[in-house]
Amino acid sequence: MITVTVLREREKPVGFTVTGHAEQGAYGEDLVCAAVSALVQTAVLGVTEVLKLNAGVSLKEGDSACILDRDTSEEDLNRAAIVFETMLAGLRSIQASYPKTLKFRSKEV
């Protein structure tokens, strides 16, 4: 199962971790893992390349994370929240089609 933990500060998403595997297919052929990876990597690119925000990023197989720097302005937090919430909407859509593959948690940081 893939666990998505949304990191929040004052209820606003400031990052996430994604761990685990969907185990819905052979290595390299798991469509759920591929879809989750695409959404996660796109969110990271949205925050770091499009919005040009500083964030701690780790993208490894079965273990990814992204968290905005502590000194991120309120305006930039709001812009990043749109990217994070869009990623989460996509992940929830995957969960609706494959309910036993993803679970969501929230953690105040």
Foldseek 3Di string as FASTA:
>chain_A
DKEKEFEDAPNFGFKIKIADFQPPDDVVPDPLLVQLLVLVVVLVCCLCPVVVFDWDWDDDVRITMIGGDPPDDPVSSVVSSVSVVVSVVSNVVSCVVVVVRYDYHYHYD
